[in-house]
Amino acid sequence: MRALLPLAGMIFLSACATPVKQSTAPLSQYDKNTKYGIEARPGGFGVSIYYSRYQFIPESDAVAGACKQALTSIAHEHADKMGREIENINEQAIRISMGRNGMTGITSCSAYAPVKFKE
């Protein structure tokens, strides 16, 4: 029985993975799945989000897509509030980190992208 304890601990720890935080901006609640933060930058701003949702069957690609879509929507909404237009967000410029908690079924994403104002 004692020999199984280290194995059980390793299985438990491997079932939980937290995405790496992409920014130090304080996050505010956007909707039930999304928190976001905005950082001022020269010529624009940076958007960071934390997105998570329950999935019975893990589909990281679906969460990653929803995460990127939320980031883009928040960037456009923020720019609209400022009365500015932004350039298209280059998908390759989005830093993203994924995680999954196998015990709770929560798949999560942390993402950050720099956003430039149109001249």
N, C-alpha and C. Protein backbone atom coordinates (compact mmCIF):
# COMPACT_ATOMS: atom_id res chain seq x y z
N MET A 1 0.82 -1.20 0.00
CA MET A 1 0.00 0.00 0.00
C MET A 1 0.87 1.26 0.00
N ARG A 2 1.94 1.26 0.80
CA ARG A 2 2.82 2.43 0.85
C ARG A 2 3.46 2.72 -0.50
N ALA A 3 3.72 1.68 -1.27
CA ALA A 3 4.36 1.86 -2.58
C ALA A 3 3.44 2.59 -3.54
N LEU A 4 2.14 2.51 -3.32
CA LEU A 4 1.18 3.15 -4.22
C LEU A 4 1.01 4.64 -3.95
N LEU A 5 1.36 5.11 -2.75
CA LEU A 5 1.18 6.52 -2.42
C LEU A 5 1.96 7.46 -3.34
N PRO A 6 3.24 7.23 -3.61
CA PRO A 6 3.94 8.12 -4.53
C PRO A 6 3.33 8.11 -5.93
N LEU A 7 2.90 6.94 -6.38
CA LEU A 7 2.28 6.82 -7.69
C LEU A 7 0.96 7.60 -7.72
N ALA A 8 0.17 7.49 -6.68
CA ALA A 8 -1.10 8.22 -6.60
C ALA A 8 -0.86 9.73 -6.60
N GLY A 9 0.17 10.17 -5.90
CA GLY A 9 0.50 11.60 -5.87
C GLY A 9 0.92 12.10 -7.25
N MET A 10 1.70 11.32 -7.97
CA MET A 10 2.13 11.72 -9.32
C MET A 10 0.94 11.79 -10.26
N ILE A 11 0.02 10.84 -10.16
CA ILE A 11 -1.17 10.85 -11.02
C ILE A 11 -2.02 12.08 -10.71
N PHE A 12 -2.19 12.39 -9.43
CA PHE A 12 -2.99 13.56 -9.05
C PHE A 12 -2.38 14.85 -9.59
N LEU A 13 -1.06 15.01 -9.43
CA LEU A 13 -0.40 16.23 -9.89
C LEU A 13 -0.39 16.33 -11.41
N SER A 14 -0.29 15.22 -12.11
CA SER A 14 -0.28 15.26 -13.56
C SER A 14 -1.65 15.56 -14.12
N ALA A 15 -2.69 15.39 -13.34
CA ALA A 15 -4.05 15.66 -13.79
C ALA A 15 -4.36 17.15 -13.78
N CYS A 16 -3.54 17.97 -13.17
CA CYS A 16 -3.78 19.40 -13.06
C CYS A 16 -2.66 20.18 -13.73
N ALA A 17 -3.03 20.99 -14.70
CA ALA A 17 -2.05 21.85 -15.36
C ALA A 17 -2.66 23.24 -15.48
N THR A 18 -1.95 24.23 -14.99
CA THR A 18 -2.41 25.61 -15.02
C THR A 18 -1.68 26.34 -16.14
N PRO A 19 -2.40 27.13 -16.95
CA PRO A 19 -1.70 27.86 -18.00
C PRO A 19 -0.79 28.93 -17.40
N VAL A 20 0.28 29.22 -18.10
CA VAL A 20 1.22 30.25 -17.67
C VAL A 20 0.59 31.61 -17.88
N LYS A 21 0.64 32.46 -16.86
CA LYS A 21 0.09 33.81 -16.96
C LYS A 21 0.94 34.60 -17.95
N GLN A 22 0.29 35.27 -18.89
CA GLN A 22 1.00 35.97 -19.96
C GLN A 22 1.27 37.44 -19.66
N SER A 23 0.68 37.97 -18.60
CA SER A 23 0.82 39.39 -18.29
C SER A 23 0.61 39.60 -16.79
N THR A 24 1.07 40.75 -16.31
CA THR A 24 0.86 41.09 -14.90
C THR A 24 -0.30 42.06 -14.72
N ALA A 25 -1.02 42.35 -15.78
CA ALA A 25 -2.16 43.28 -15.70
C ALA A 25 -3.23 42.71 -14.78
N PRO A 26 -3.83 43.55 -13.93
CA PRO A 26 -4.94 43.06 -13.10
C PRO A 26 -6.12 42.70 -14.00
N LEU A 27 -6.80 41.62 -13.67
CA LEU A 27 -7.90 41.12 -14.51
C LEU A 27 -9.26 41.50 -13.94
N SER A 28 -10.18 41.83 -14.84
CA SER A 28 -11.57 42.12 -14.49
C SER A 28 -12.47 41.08 -15.15
N GLN A 29 -13.61 40.81 -14.55
CA GLN A 29 -14.55 39.82 -15.11
C GLN A 29 -15.20 40.39 -16.36
N TYR A 30 -15.19 39.62 -17.44
CA TYR A 30 -15.85 40.01 -18.69
C TYR A 30 -17.17 39.27 -18.85
N ASP A 31 -17.12 37.95 -18.72
CA ASP A 31 -18.32 37.11 -18.69
C ASP A 31 -18.03 35.92 -17.79
N LYS A 32 -18.91 34.93 -17.76
CA LYS A 32 -18.73 33.84 -16.80
C LYS A 32 -17.47 33.01 -17.06
N ASN A 33 -16.96 33.04 -18.29
CA ASN A 33 -15.77 32.25 -18.63
C ASN A 33 -14.50 33.07 -18.78
N THR A 34 -14.61 34.39 -18.81
CA THR A 34 -13.49 35.22 -19.24
C THR A 34 -13.18 36.35 -18.27
N LYS A 35 -11.89 36.53 -18.00
CA LYS A 35 -11.37 37.69 -17.28
C LYS A 35 -10.38 38.36 -18.22
N TYR A 36 -10.26 39.69 -18.13
CA TYR A 36 -9.36 40.39 -19.03
C TYR A 36 -8.64 41.53 -18.33
N GLY A 37 -7.54 41.94 -18.95
CA GLY A 37 -6.77 43.09 -18.47
C GLY A 37 -6.25 43.87 -19.66
N ILE A 38 -6.14 45.19 -19.49
CA ILE A 38 -5.64 46.08 -20.54
C ILE A 38 -4.42 46.81 -20.00
N GLU A 39 -3.36 46.88 -20.79
CA GLU A 39 -2.14 47.61 -20.45
C GLU A 39 -1.87 48.64 -21.54
N ALA A 40 -1.63 49.87 -21.14
CA ALA A 40 -1.28 50.91 -22.12
C ALA A 40 0.09 50.60 -22.71
N ARG A 41 0.22 50.84 -24.00
CA ARG A 41 1.48 50.66 -24.71
C ARG A 41 1.63 51.82 -25.69
N PRO A 42 2.85 52.16 -26.07
CA PRO A 42 3.03 53.22 -27.07
C PRO A 42 2.34 52.82 -28.39
N GLY A 43 1.45 53.67 -28.87
CA GLY A 43 0.77 53.41 -30.13
C GLY A 43 -0.36 52.42 -30.05
N GLY A 44 -0.76 52.05 -28.83
CA GLY A 44 -1.85 51.08 -28.69
C GLY A 44 -1.99 50.60 -27.27
N PHE A 45 -2.26 49.32 -27.11
CA PHE A 45 -2.43 48.71 -25.79
C PHE A 45 -2.21 47.21 -25.89
N GLY A 46 -2.07 46.58 -24.76
CA GLY A 46 -1.95 45.13 -24.71
C GLY A 46 -3.20 44.55 -24.06
N VAL A 47 -3.65 43.42 -24.55
CA VAL A 47 -4.83 42.74 -23.99
C VAL A 47 -4.38 41.38 -23.45
N SER A 48 -4.71 41.11 -22.21
CA SER A 48 -4.46 39.78 -21.66
C SER A 48 -5.79 39.22 -21.18
N ILE A 49 -5.97 37.93 -21.38
CA ILE A 49 -7.20 37.29 -20.92
C ILE A 49 -6.89 35.95 -20.26
N TYR A 50 -7.83 35.55 -19.43
CA TYR A 50 -7.84 34.22 -18.84
C TYR A 50 -9.21 33.66 -19.13
N TYR A 51 -9.27 32.57 -19.88
CA TYR A 51 -10.53 31.97 -20.31
C TYR A 51 -10.56 30.53 -19.81
N SER A 52 -11.67 30.11 -19.23
CA SER A 52 -11.78 28.72 -18.78
C SER A 52 -13.22 28.25 -18.87
N ARG A 53 -13.38 26.96 -19.12
CA ARG A 53 -14.72 26.37 -19.15
C ARG A 53 -14.64 24.86 -18.93
N TYR A 54 -15.77 24.32 -18.49
CA TYR A 54 -15.86 22.88 -18.25
C TYR A 54 -16.00 22.14 -19.58
N GLN A 55 -15.29 21.04 -19.70
CA GLN A 55 -15.42 20.17 -20.86
C GLN A 55 -15.38 18.73 -20.39
N PHE A 56 -16.43 17.97 -20.67
CA PHE A 56 -16.44 16.56 -20.31
C PHE A 56 -15.38 15.83 -21.12
N ILE A 57 -15.36 16.10 -22.43
CA ILE A 57 -14.33 15.55 -23.31
C ILE A 57 -13.38 16.69 -23.63
N PRO A 58 -12.10 16.58 -23.25
CA PRO A 58 -11.15 17.68 -23.47
C PRO A 58 -10.97 18.01 -24.96
N GLU A 59 -11.19 19.25 -25.30
CA GLU A 59 -10.96 19.74 -26.66
C GLU A 59 -10.20 21.06 -26.54
N SER A 60 -8.90 20.94 -26.39
CA SER A 60 -8.08 22.14 -26.21
C SER A 60 -8.16 23.09 -27.39
N ASP A 61 -8.30 22.55 -28.60
CA ASP A 61 -8.39 23.42 -29.78
C ASP A 61 -9.62 24.31 -29.72
N ALA A 62 -10.73 23.79 -29.24
CA ALA A 62 -11.95 24.59 -29.14
C ALA A 62 -11.78 25.70 -28.11
N VAL A 63 -11.15 25.39 -26.99
CA VAL A 63 -10.91 26.42 -25.97
C VAL A 63 -9.91 27.45 -26.48
N ALA A 64 -8.86 27.01 -27.16
CA ALA A 64 -7.88 27.94 -27.72
C ALA A 64 -8.54 28.89 -28.72
N GLY A 65 -9.42 28.36 -29.56
CA GLY A 65 -10.13 29.20 -30.53
C GLY A 65 -11.03 30.21 -29.85
N ALA A 66 -11.77 29.76 -28.84
CA ALA A 66 -12.66 30.66 -28.08
C ALA A 66 -11.84 31.71 -27.33
N CYS A 67 -10.69 31.33 -26.84
CA CYS A 67 -9.80 32.23 -26.11
C CYS A 67 -9.32 33.35 -27.04
N LYS A 68 -8.85 32.98 -28.23
CA LYS A 68 -8.37 33.97 -29.20
C LYS A 68 -9.52 34.88 -29.67
N GLN A 69 -10.69 34.30 -29.85
CA GLN A 69 -11.85 35.09 -30.28
C GLN A 69 -12.24 36.09 -29.20
N ALA A 70 -12.22 35.67 -27.95
CA ALA A 70 -12.54 36.57 -26.84
C ALA A 70 -11.52 37.70 -26.77
N LEU A 71 -10.25 37.37 -26.93
CA LEU A 71 -9.20 38.38 -26.90
C LEU A 71 -9.44 39.43 -27.99
N THR A 72 -9.74 38.99 -29.19
CA THR A 72 -9.98 39.90 -30.30
C THR A 72 -11.21 40.77 -30.06
N SER A 73 -12.28 40.17 -29.56
CA SER A 73 -13.51 40.93 -29.28
C SER A 73 -13.26 42.00 -28.22
N ILE A 74 -12.56 41.63 -27.17
CA ILE A 74 -12.27 42.58 -26.09
C ILE A 74 -11.40 43.72 -26.62
N ALA A 75 -10.43 43.41 -27.47
CA ALA A 75 -9.57 44.45 -28.04
C ALA A 75 -10.39 45.45 -28.85
N HIS A 76 -11.31 44.96 -29.67
CA HIS A 76 -12.15 45.85 -30.47
C HIS A 76 -13.09 46.68 -29.59
N GLU A 77 -13.67 46.06 -28.57
CA GLU A 77 -14.56 46.79 -27.67
C GLU A 77 -13.80 47.90 -26.93
N HIS A 78 -12.60 47.59 -26.47
CA HIS A 78 -11.80 48.60 -25.76
C HIS A 78 -11.46 49.76 -26.69
N ALA A 79 -11.05 49.45 -27.91
CA ALA A 79 -10.71 50.50 -28.88
C ALA A 79 -11.94 51.36 -29.19
N ASP A 80 -13.11 50.73 -29.33
CA ASP A 80 -14.35 51.48 -29.59
C ASP A 80 -14.65 52.45 -28.45
N LYS A 81 -14.44 52.00 -27.21
CA LYS A 81 -14.68 52.87 -26.04
C LYS A 81 -13.74 54.07 -26.06
N MET A 82 -12.55 53.87 -26.64
CA MET A 82 -11.58 54.96 -26.73
C MET A 82 -11.80 55.83 -27.97
N GLY A 83 -12.73 55.41 -28.83
CA GLY A 83 -12.98 56.15 -30.06
C GLY A 83 -11.89 55.98 -31.10
N ARG A 84 -11.21 54.84 -31.07
CA ARG A 84 -10.09 54.58 -31.98
C ARG A 84 -10.36 53.30 -32.75
N GLU A 85 -9.68 53.17 -33.89
CA GLU A 85 -9.69 51.93 -34.66
C GLU A 85 -8.35 51.24 -34.45
N ILE A 86 -8.37 49.92 -34.57
CA ILE A 86 -7.13 49.16 -34.39
C ILE A 86 -6.80 48.38 -35.66
N GLU A 87 -5.52 48.08 -35.79
CA GLU A 87 -5.08 47.21 -36.89
C GLU A 87 -5.52 45.79 -36.58
N ASN A 88 -5.59 44.95 -37.62
CA ASN A 88 -5.91 43.55 -37.39
C ASN A 88 -4.86 42.93 -36.47
N ILE A 89 -5.31 42.08 -35.57
CA ILE A 89 -4.40 41.41 -34.64
C ILE A 89 -3.81 40.20 -35.35
N ASN A 90 -2.49 40.19 -35.44
CA ASN A 90 -1.79 39.09 -36.08
C ASN A 90 -1.87 37.86 -35.16
N GLU A 91 -2.44 36.78 -35.65
CA GLU A 91 -2.62 35.58 -34.83
C GLU A 91 -1.29 35.02 -34.33
N GLN A 92 -0.23 35.22 -35.10
CA GLN A 92 1.09 34.74 -34.67
C GLN A 92 1.65 35.57 -33.52
N ALA A 93 1.10 36.76 -33.31
CA ALA A 93 1.58 37.62 -32.22
C ALA A 93 0.88 37.31 -30.90
N ILE A 94 -0.13 36.47 -30.93
CA ILE A 94 -0.86 36.11 -29.70
C ILE A 94 -0.06 35.04 -28.96
N ARG A 95 0.35 35.38 -27.73
CA ARG A 95 1.01 34.38 -26.86
C ARG A 95 -0.10 33.65 -26.11
N ILE A 96 -0.06 32.35 -26.15
CA ILE A 96 -1.13 31.56 -25.54
C ILE A 96 -0.55 30.39 -24.76
N SER A 97 -1.18 30.09 -23.64
CA SER A 97 -0.80 28.96 -22.81
C SER A 97 -2.08 28.24 -22.39
N MET A 98 -2.07 26.92 -22.50
CA MET A 98 -3.25 26.11 -22.18
C MET A 98 -3.01 25.27 -20.93
N GLY A 99 -4.09 24.94 -20.25
CA GLY A 99 -4.02 24.07 -19.08
C GLY A 99 -5.31 23.29 -18.91
N ARG A 100 -5.24 22.20 -18.18
CA ARG A 100 -6.44 21.39 -17.94
C ARG A 100 -6.35 20.78 -16.55
N ASN A 101 -7.45 20.86 -15.82
CA ASN A 101 -7.56 20.19 -14.54
C ASN A 101 -8.42 18.95 -14.77
N GLY A 102 -7.77 17.80 -14.81
CA GLY A 102 -8.48 16.55 -15.08
C GLY A 102 -9.45 16.16 -14.00
N MET A 103 -9.26 16.67 -12.79
CA MET A 103 -10.16 16.34 -11.69
C MET A 103 -11.50 17.07 -11.82
N THR A 104 -11.45 18.34 -12.25
CA THR A 104 -12.68 19.14 -12.35
C THR A 104 -13.22 19.23 -13.77
N GLY A 105 -12.41 18.87 -14.76
CA GLY A 105 -12.83 18.95 -16.16
C GLY A 105 -12.74 20.36 -16.73
N ILE A 106 -12.03 21.26 -16.04
CA ILE A 106 -11.90 22.64 -16.51
C ILE A 106 -10.67 22.75 -17.43
N THR A 107 -10.90 23.23 -18.64
CA THR A 107 -9.82 23.53 -19.57
C THR A 107 -9.67 25.05 -19.57
N SER A 108 -8.44 25.55 -19.48
CA SER A 108 -8.24 26.99 -19.38
C SER A 108 -7.14 27.47 -20.32
N CYS A 109 -7.18 28.76 -20.56
CA CYS A 109 -6.27 29.40 -21.49
C CYS A 109 -5.88 30.76 -20.93
N SER A 110 -4.62 31.11 -21.07
CA SER A 110 -4.13 32.44 -20.76
C SER A 110 -3.51 32.97 -22.04
N ALA A 111 -3.89 34.20 -22.45
CA ALA A 111 -3.38 34.74 -23.70
C ALA A 111 -3.10 36.22 -23.58
N TYR A 112 -2.19 36.69 -24.44
CA TYR A 112 -1.82 38.12 -24.49
C TYR A 112 -1.52 38.48 -25.93
N ALA A 113 -1.94 39.69 -26.32
CA ALA A 113 -1.60 40.20 -27.64
C ALA A 113 -1.39 41.70 -27.59
N PRO A 114 -0.37 42.20 -28.30
CA PRO A 114 -0.22 43.65 -28.45
C PRO A 114 -1.19 44.13 -29.53
N VAL A 115 -1.78 45.30 -29.30
CA VAL A 115 -2.75 45.86 -30.24
C VAL A 115 -2.26 47.25 -30.64
N LYS A 116 -2.25 47.51 -31.95
CA LYS A 116 -1.80 48.81 -32.46
C LYS A 116 -2.98 49.61 -33.00
N PHE A 117 -2.98 50.90 -32.70
CA PHE A 117 -3.99 51.79 -33.25
C PHE A 117 -3.70 52.03 -34.73
N LYS A 118 -4.75 52.21 -35.52
CA LYS A 118 -4.57 52.60 -36.92
C LYS A 118 -4.15 54.07 -36.93
N GLU A 119 -3.27 54.40 -37.84
CA GLU A 119 -2.79 55.79 -37.97
C GLU A 119 -3.79 56.64 -38.73
